[in-house]
Amino acid sequence: MISTSLAQSAYNAAATPVRTDRGTEYAAFQKVTALLNKARRPEASMVERAEALDKNRKLWAIIAGDIAGADNKLPQSLRAQLFYLAEFSLLQSSKALKEADALDSLVDVNTAVMRGLSGQGATT
């Protein structure tokens, strides 16, 4: 019995898909954006909103730190745009604690970043 469960756990680990950096970033944005969407519901509690905003702030703080690093390989113009989005998201997160409608723009920004990460680019 124990050997069977050990074998299953070994094969389960091998079945886990390998993610690229882009895929990992996409998954992080997807998870945080889902939390923000849940927090936008009329019945969402302030705790749900605060937790979603905290996760969004942490994600954008990581992104800002990464793009500010000297070893970042992204083009300078893209780094500047992403840094601007990070600043906006951090400020908008504070606003969203007081005004639930401010969550909409955070979801929009994260969704646009996810489109970029998936190769879809911006839509007009």
N, C-alpha and C. Protein backbone atom coordinates (compact mmCIF):
# COMPACT_ATOMS: atom_id res chain seq x y z
N MET A 1 0.82 -1.19 0.00
CA MET A 1 0.00 0.00 0.00
C MET A 1 0.87 1.25 0.00
N ILE A 2 1.88 1.27 0.85
CA ILE A 2 2.75 2.43 0.93
C ILE A 2 3.53 2.59 -0.38
N SER A 3 4.00 1.49 -0.94
CA SER A 3 4.75 1.58 -2.20
C SER A 3 3.88 2.10 -3.34
N THR A 4 2.60 1.76 -3.31
CA THR A 4 1.68 2.25 -4.34
C THR A 4 1.52 3.75 -4.25
N SER A 5 1.33 4.26 -3.04
CA SER A 5 1.17 5.72 -2.89
C SER A 5 2.47 6.45 -3.19
N LEU A 6 3.61 5.85 -2.87
CA LEU A 6 4.89 6.47 -3.23
C LEU A 6 5.06 6.53 -4.75
N ALA A 7 4.69 5.47 -5.42
CA ALA A 7 4.78 5.44 -6.88
C ALA A 7 3.86 6.48 -7.50
N GLN A 8 2.64 6.58 -6.96
CA GLN A 8 1.70 7.57 -7.49
C GLN A 8 2.23 8.98 -7.30
N SER A 9 2.77 9.28 -6.13
CA SER A 9 3.28 10.63 -5.89
C SER A 9 4.48 10.93 -6.78
N ALA A 10 5.31 9.94 -7.07
CA ALA A 10 6.45 10.15 -7.95
C ALA A 10 6.00 10.46 -9.37
N TYR A 11 5.01 9.70 -9.86
CA TYR A 11 4.52 9.94 -11.21
C TYR A 11 3.71 11.23 -11.30
N ASN A 12 2.99 11.58 -10.26
CA ASN A 12 2.24 12.83 -10.26
C ASN A 12 3.17 14.02 -10.39
N ALA A 13 4.30 13.99 -9.72
CA ALA A 13 5.26 15.09 -9.81
C ALA A 13 5.79 15.21 -11.24
N ALA A 14 6.01 14.09 -11.90
CA ALA A 14 6.52 14.12 -13.27
C ALA A 14 5.45 14.61 -14.24
N ALA A 15 4.20 14.46 -13.89
CA ALA A 15 3.11 14.87 -14.77
C ALA A 15 2.83 16.37 -14.68
N THR A 16 3.42 17.05 -13.71
CA THR A 16 3.21 18.48 -13.56
C THR A 16 3.86 19.20 -14.74
N PRO A 17 3.11 20.07 -15.42
CA PRO A 17 3.68 20.73 -16.59
C PRO A 17 4.81 21.70 -16.21
N VAL A 18 5.77 21.80 -17.09
CA VAL A 18 6.87 22.74 -16.89
C VAL A 18 6.42 24.09 -17.44
N ARG A 19 6.59 25.13 -16.64
CA ARG A 19 6.18 26.47 -17.06
C ARG A 19 7.39 27.29 -17.45
N THR A 20 7.19 28.12 -18.44
CA THR A 20 8.19 29.10 -18.80
C THR A 20 8.06 30.27 -17.84
N ASP A 21 9.02 31.19 -17.88
CA ASP A 21 8.92 32.40 -17.05
C ASP A 21 7.63 33.15 -17.39
N ARG A 22 7.37 33.23 -18.68
CA ARG A 22 6.16 33.91 -19.13
C ARG A 22 4.90 33.23 -18.63
N GLY A 23 4.90 31.92 -18.67
CA GLY A 23 3.76 31.15 -18.18
C GLY A 23 3.56 31.33 -16.69
N THR A 24 4.64 31.40 -15.95
CA THR A 24 4.57 31.62 -14.51
C THR A 24 4.02 33.01 -14.21
N GLU A 25 4.49 34.00 -14.95
CA GLU A 25 3.98 35.36 -14.77
C GLU A 25 2.50 35.42 -15.13
N TYR A 26 2.12 34.79 -16.22
CA TYR A 26 0.72 34.76 -16.63
C TYR A 26 -0.14 34.14 -15.52
N ALA A 27 0.32 33.01 -14.98
CA ALA A 27 -0.45 32.32 -13.93
C ALA A 27 -0.60 33.20 -12.70
N ALA A 28 0.44 33.95 -12.35
CA ALA A 28 0.37 34.85 -11.19
C ALA A 28 -0.66 35.95 -11.44
N PHE A 29 -0.62 36.55 -12.62
CA PHE A 29 -1.60 37.59 -12.95
C PHE A 29 -3.02 37.02 -13.00
N GLN A 30 -3.14 35.82 -13.53
CA GLN A 30 -4.45 35.18 -13.63
C GLN A 30 -5.04 34.94 -12.24
N LYS A 31 -4.23 34.47 -11.33
CA LYS A 31 -4.68 34.18 -9.97
C LYS A 31 -5.10 35.47 -9.25
N VAL A 32 -4.26 36.49 -9.34
CA VAL A 32 -4.55 37.76 -8.67
C VAL A 32 -5.77 38.44 -9.29
N THR A 33 -5.88 38.39 -10.60
CA THR A 33 -7.02 39.01 -11.28
C THR A 33 -8.32 38.30 -10.92
N ALA A 34 -8.28 37.00 -10.75
CA ALA A 34 -9.47 36.27 -10.31
C ALA A 34 -9.90 36.74 -8.91
N LEU A 35 -8.93 36.97 -8.04
CA LEU A 35 -9.25 37.48 -6.70
C LEU A 35 -9.85 38.89 -6.78
N LEU A 36 -9.30 39.72 -7.65
CA LEU A 36 -9.84 41.08 -7.82
C LEU A 36 -11.27 41.01 -8.36
N ASN A 37 -11.52 40.11 -9.30
CA ASN A 37 -12.87 39.95 -9.84
C ASN A 37 -13.85 39.50 -8.76
N LYS A 38 -13.42 38.58 -7.90
CA LYS A 38 -14.28 38.15 -6.79
C LYS A 38 -14.56 39.32 -5.86
N ALA A 39 -13.56 40.16 -5.63
CA ALA A 39 -13.70 41.30 -4.73
C ALA A 39 -14.63 42.37 -5.31
N ARG A 40 -14.84 42.35 -6.63
CA ARG A 40 -15.73 43.33 -7.28
C ARG A 40 -17.21 43.00 -7.10
N ARG A 41 -17.51 41.79 -6.72
CA ARG A 41 -18.92 41.39 -6.57
C ARG A 41 -19.56 42.24 -5.47
N PRO A 42 -20.82 42.60 -5.65
CA PRO A 42 -21.51 43.42 -4.65
C PRO A 42 -21.52 42.79 -3.25
N GLU A 43 -21.57 41.46 -3.20
CA GLU A 43 -21.63 40.79 -1.90
C GLU A 43 -20.24 40.53 -1.28
N ALA A 44 -19.18 40.94 -1.97
CA ALA A 44 -17.83 40.73 -1.46
C ALA A 44 -17.61 41.55 -0.19
N SER A 45 -16.91 40.95 0.73
CA SER A 45 -16.62 41.64 1.99
C SER A 45 -15.39 42.53 1.84
N MET A 46 -15.23 43.41 2.80
CA MET A 46 -14.05 44.27 2.81
C MET A 46 -12.79 43.44 3.00
N VAL A 47 -12.89 42.35 3.72
CA VAL A 47 -11.75 41.45 3.92
C VAL A 47 -11.32 40.86 2.58
N GLU A 48 -12.29 40.40 1.77
CA GLU A 48 -11.96 39.86 0.44
C GLU A 48 -11.28 40.92 -0.42
N ARG A 49 -11.82 42.12 -0.38
CA ARG A 49 -11.23 43.21 -1.17
C ARG A 49 -9.81 43.51 -0.71
N ALA A 50 -9.62 43.61 0.60
CA ALA A 50 -8.29 43.92 1.13
C ALA A 50 -7.28 42.83 0.80
N GLU A 51 -7.70 41.57 0.88
CA GLU A 51 -6.80 40.46 0.56
C GLU A 51 -6.43 40.46 -0.93
N ALA A 52 -7.41 40.71 -1.79
CA ALA A 52 -7.15 40.75 -3.23
C ALA A 52 -6.20 41.91 -3.56
N LEU A 53 -6.44 43.05 -2.94
CA LEU A 53 -5.59 44.22 -3.19
C LEU A 53 -4.17 43.99 -2.66
N ASP A 54 -4.06 43.31 -1.53
CA ASP A 54 -2.74 43.00 -0.99
C ASP A 54 -1.96 42.10 -1.95
N LYS A 55 -2.62 41.08 -2.48
CA LYS A 55 -1.96 40.19 -3.45
C LYS A 55 -1.56 40.95 -4.71
N ASN A 56 -2.44 41.85 -5.17
CA ASN A 56 -2.14 42.64 -6.36
C ASN A 56 -0.94 43.56 -6.11
N ARG A 57 -0.91 44.20 -4.95
CA ARG A 57 0.23 45.06 -4.60
C ARG A 57 1.53 44.27 -4.57
N LYS A 58 1.48 43.10 -3.95
CA LYS A 58 2.69 42.27 -3.86
C LYS A 58 3.18 41.86 -5.25
N LEU A 59 2.24 41.47 -6.11
CA LEU A 59 2.61 41.08 -7.47
C LEU A 59 3.28 42.24 -8.20
N TRP A 60 2.66 43.42 -8.13
CA TRP A 60 3.23 44.57 -8.84
C TRP A 60 4.54 45.05 -8.21
N ALA A 61 4.70 44.88 -6.92
CA ALA A 61 5.97 45.24 -6.28
C ALA A 61 7.09 44.31 -6.77
N ILE A 62 6.77 43.04 -6.95
CA ILE A 62 7.75 42.09 -7.49
C ILE A 62 8.11 42.46 -8.93
N ILE A 63 7.09 42.77 -9.72
CA ILE A 63 7.32 43.16 -11.12
C ILE A 63 8.20 44.41 -11.17
N ALA A 64 7.87 45.42 -10.35
CA ALA A 64 8.64 46.67 -10.35
C ALA A 64 10.09 46.42 -9.96
N GLY A 65 10.30 45.58 -8.95
CA GLY A 65 11.66 45.26 -8.55
C GLY A 65 12.43 44.54 -9.64
N ASP A 66 11.75 43.63 -10.32
CA ASP A 66 12.40 42.87 -11.39
C ASP A 66 12.77 43.77 -12.57
N ILE A 67 11.88 44.63 -12.98
CA ILE A 67 12.18 45.45 -14.16
C ILE A 67 13.16 46.57 -13.84
N ALA A 68 13.31 46.90 -12.57
CA ALA A 68 14.29 47.93 -12.19
C ALA A 68 15.69 47.35 -12.11
N GLY A 69 15.81 46.04 -12.09
CA GLY A 69 17.12 45.40 -11.98
C GLY A 69 17.97 45.60 -13.22
N ALA A 70 19.26 45.75 -13.01
CA ALA A 70 20.19 45.99 -14.11
C ALA A 70 20.29 44.80 -15.06
N ASP A 71 20.00 43.60 -14.57
CA ASP A 71 20.13 42.41 -15.41
C ASP A 71 18.85 42.08 -16.18
N ASN A 72 17.84 42.93 -16.09
CA ASN A 72 16.59 42.70 -16.83
C ASN A 72 16.85 42.90 -18.32
N LYS A 73 16.41 41.94 -19.12
CA LYS A 73 16.70 41.94 -20.56
C LYS A 73 15.61 42.58 -21.43
N LEU A 74 14.52 43.04 -20.81
CA LEU A 74 13.45 43.67 -21.60
C LEU A 74 13.93 44.99 -22.17
N PRO A 75 13.38 45.39 -23.32
CA PRO A 75 13.74 46.69 -23.89
C PRO A 75 13.39 47.82 -22.90
N GLN A 76 14.20 48.86 -22.90
CA GLN A 76 14.02 49.96 -21.96
C GLN A 76 12.62 50.57 -22.03
N SER A 77 12.08 50.72 -23.24
CA SER A 77 10.75 51.33 -23.36
C SER A 77 9.67 50.45 -22.70
N LEU A 78 9.77 49.14 -22.86
CA LEU A 78 8.81 48.23 -22.23
C LEU A 78 8.98 48.25 -20.71
N ARG A 79 10.21 48.30 -20.26
CA ARG A 79 10.45 48.38 -18.81
C ARG A 79 9.82 49.64 -18.24
N ALA A 80 9.95 50.75 -18.94
CA ALA A 80 9.38 52.02 -18.47
C ALA A 80 7.86 51.92 -18.41
N GLN A 81 7.25 51.32 -19.44
CA GLN A 81 5.79 51.17 -19.46
C GLN A 81 5.31 50.28 -18.31
N LEU A 82 6.02 49.19 -18.10
CA LEU A 82 5.64 48.29 -17.01
C LEU A 82 5.82 48.95 -15.64
N PHE A 83 6.88 49.74 -15.51
CA PHE A 83 7.10 50.43 -14.24
C PHE A 83 5.98 51.44 -13.99
N TYR A 84 5.56 52.12 -15.04
CA TYR A 84 4.43 53.05 -14.92
C TYR A 84 3.17 52.29 -14.48
N LEU A 85 2.91 51.14 -15.09
CA LEU A 85 1.75 50.34 -14.71
C LEU A 85 1.84 49.88 -13.26
N ALA A 86 3.05 49.56 -12.82
CA ALA A 86 3.25 49.15 -11.43
C ALA A 86 2.91 50.31 -10.49
N GLU A 87 3.41 51.49 -10.81
CA GLU A 87 3.10 52.67 -9.99
C GLU A 87 1.60 52.93 -9.95
N PHE A 88 0.99 52.90 -11.12
CA PHE A 88 -0.45 53.12 -11.21
C PHE A 88 -1.21 52.09 -10.37
N SER A 89 -0.84 50.83 -10.50
CA SER A 89 -1.54 49.77 -9.79
C SER A 89 -1.38 49.91 -8.28
N LEU A 90 -0.22 50.30 -7.84
CA LEU A 90 -0.01 50.49 -6.40
C LEU A 90 -0.86 51.64 -5.87
N LEU A 91 -0.90 52.74 -6.61
CA LEU A 91 -1.73 53.88 -6.19
C LEU A 91 -3.22 53.55 -6.28
N GLN A 92 -3.61 52.88 -7.33
CA GLN A 92 -5.03 52.53 -7.53
C GLN A 92 -5.50 51.52 -6.48
N SER A 93 -4.58 50.68 -6.02
CA SER A 93 -4.94 49.72 -4.98
C SER A 93 -5.32 50.43 -3.69
N SER A 94 -4.61 51.50 -3.37
CA SER A 94 -4.97 52.29 -2.18
C SER A 94 -6.34 52.92 -2.35
N LYS A 95 -6.59 53.43 -3.53
CA LYS A 95 -7.89 54.04 -3.81
C LYS A 95 -9.01 53.00 -3.73
N ALA A 96 -8.73 51.78 -4.19
CA ALA A 96 -9.74 50.73 -4.22
C ALA A 96 -10.13 50.25 -2.83
N LEU A 97 -9.32 50.52 -1.84
CA LEU A 97 -9.73 50.19 -0.47
C LEU A 97 -10.93 51.02 -0.05
N LYS A 98 -10.99 52.24 -0.57
CA LYS A 98 -12.08 53.15 -0.22
C LYS A 98 -13.23 53.09 -1.23
N GLU A 99 -12.89 52.87 -2.49
CA GLU A 99 -13.88 52.90 -3.57
C GLU A 99 -13.81 51.60 -4.38
N ALA A 100 -14.82 50.78 -4.24
CA ALA A 100 -14.83 49.48 -4.93
C ALA A 100 -14.74 49.63 -6.45
N ASP A 101 -15.26 50.73 -6.99
CA ASP A 101 -15.21 50.93 -8.45
C ASP A 101 -13.78 51.01 -8.98
N ALA A 102 -12.85 51.37 -8.11
CA ALA A 102 -11.45 51.47 -8.53
C ALA A 102 -10.84 50.11 -8.86
N LEU A 103 -11.52 49.04 -8.46
CA LEU A 103 -11.05 47.69 -8.80
C LEU A 103 -11.11 47.45 -10.31
N ASP A 104 -12.06 48.10 -10.98
CA ASP A 104 -12.24 47.88 -12.42
C ASP A 104 -10.96 48.16 -13.20
N SER A 105 -10.32 49.28 -12.90
CA SER A 105 -9.11 49.62 -13.66
C SER A 105 -7.96 48.67 -13.34
N LEU A 106 -7.91 48.14 -12.12
CA LEU A 106 -6.87 47.17 -11.79
C LEU A 106 -7.07 45.88 -12.58
N VAL A 107 -8.31 45.45 -12.69
CA VAL A 107 -8.61 44.26 -13.49
C VAL A 107 -8.26 44.52 -14.96
N ASP A 108 -8.58 45.70 -15.46
CA ASP A 108 -8.26 46.05 -16.85
C ASP A 108 -6.76 46.01 -17.11
N VAL A 109 -5.98 46.58 -16.20
CA VAL A 109 -4.52 46.60 -16.37
C VAL A 109 -3.98 45.18 -16.34
N ASN A 110 -4.39 44.40 -15.36
CA ASN A 110 -3.89 43.03 -15.26
C ASN A 110 -4.28 42.19 -16.48
N THR A 111 -5.50 42.40 -16.97
CA THR A 111 -5.96 41.67 -18.15
C THR A 111 -5.14 42.05 -19.37
N ALA A 112 -4.81 43.32 -19.51
CA ALA A 112 -3.98 43.76 -20.63
C ALA A 112 -2.59 43.14 -20.55
N VAL A 113 -2.04 43.06 -19.35
CA VAL A 113 -0.72 42.43 -19.18
C VAL A 113 -0.81 40.95 -19.53
N MET A 114 -1.88 40.29 -19.12
CA MET A 114 -2.04 38.87 -19.45
C MET A 114 -2.14 38.67 -20.96
N ARG A 115 -2.83 39.58 -21.64
CA ARG A 115 -2.90 39.48 -23.11
C ARG A 115 -1.50 39.59 -23.70
N GLY A 116 -0.72 40.52 -23.19
CA GLY A 116 0.66 40.66 -23.68
C GLY A 116 1.50 39.43 -23.41
N LEU A 117 1.36 38.88 -22.22
CA LEU A 117 2.13 37.68 -21.88
C LEU A 117 1.73 36.48 -22.72
N SER A 118 0.46 36.44 -23.12
CA SER A 118 0.00 35.30 -23.93
C SER A 118 0.26 35.50 -25.42
N GLY A 119 0.79 36.67 -25.77
CA GLY A 119 1.10 36.94 -27.17
C GLY A 119 -0.05 37.54 -27.95
N GLN A 120 -1.16 37.86 -27.27
CA GLN A 120 -2.31 38.43 -27.96
C GLN A 120 -2.14 39.91 -28.22
N GLY A 121 -1.34 40.59 -27.41
CA GLY A 121 -1.14 42.02 -27.58
C GLY A 121 -2.36 42.81 -27.19
N ALA A 122 -2.27 44.10 -27.34
CA ALA A 122 -3.38 44.99 -26.97
C ALA A 122 -4.45 44.95 -28.04
N THR A 123 -5.69 45.08 -27.59
CA THR A 123 -6.79 45.16 -28.55
C THR A 123 -7.21 46.60 -28.68
N THR A 124 -7.72 46.96 -29.84
CA THR A 124 -8.14 48.35 -30.06
C THR A 124 -9.62 48.45 -30.06
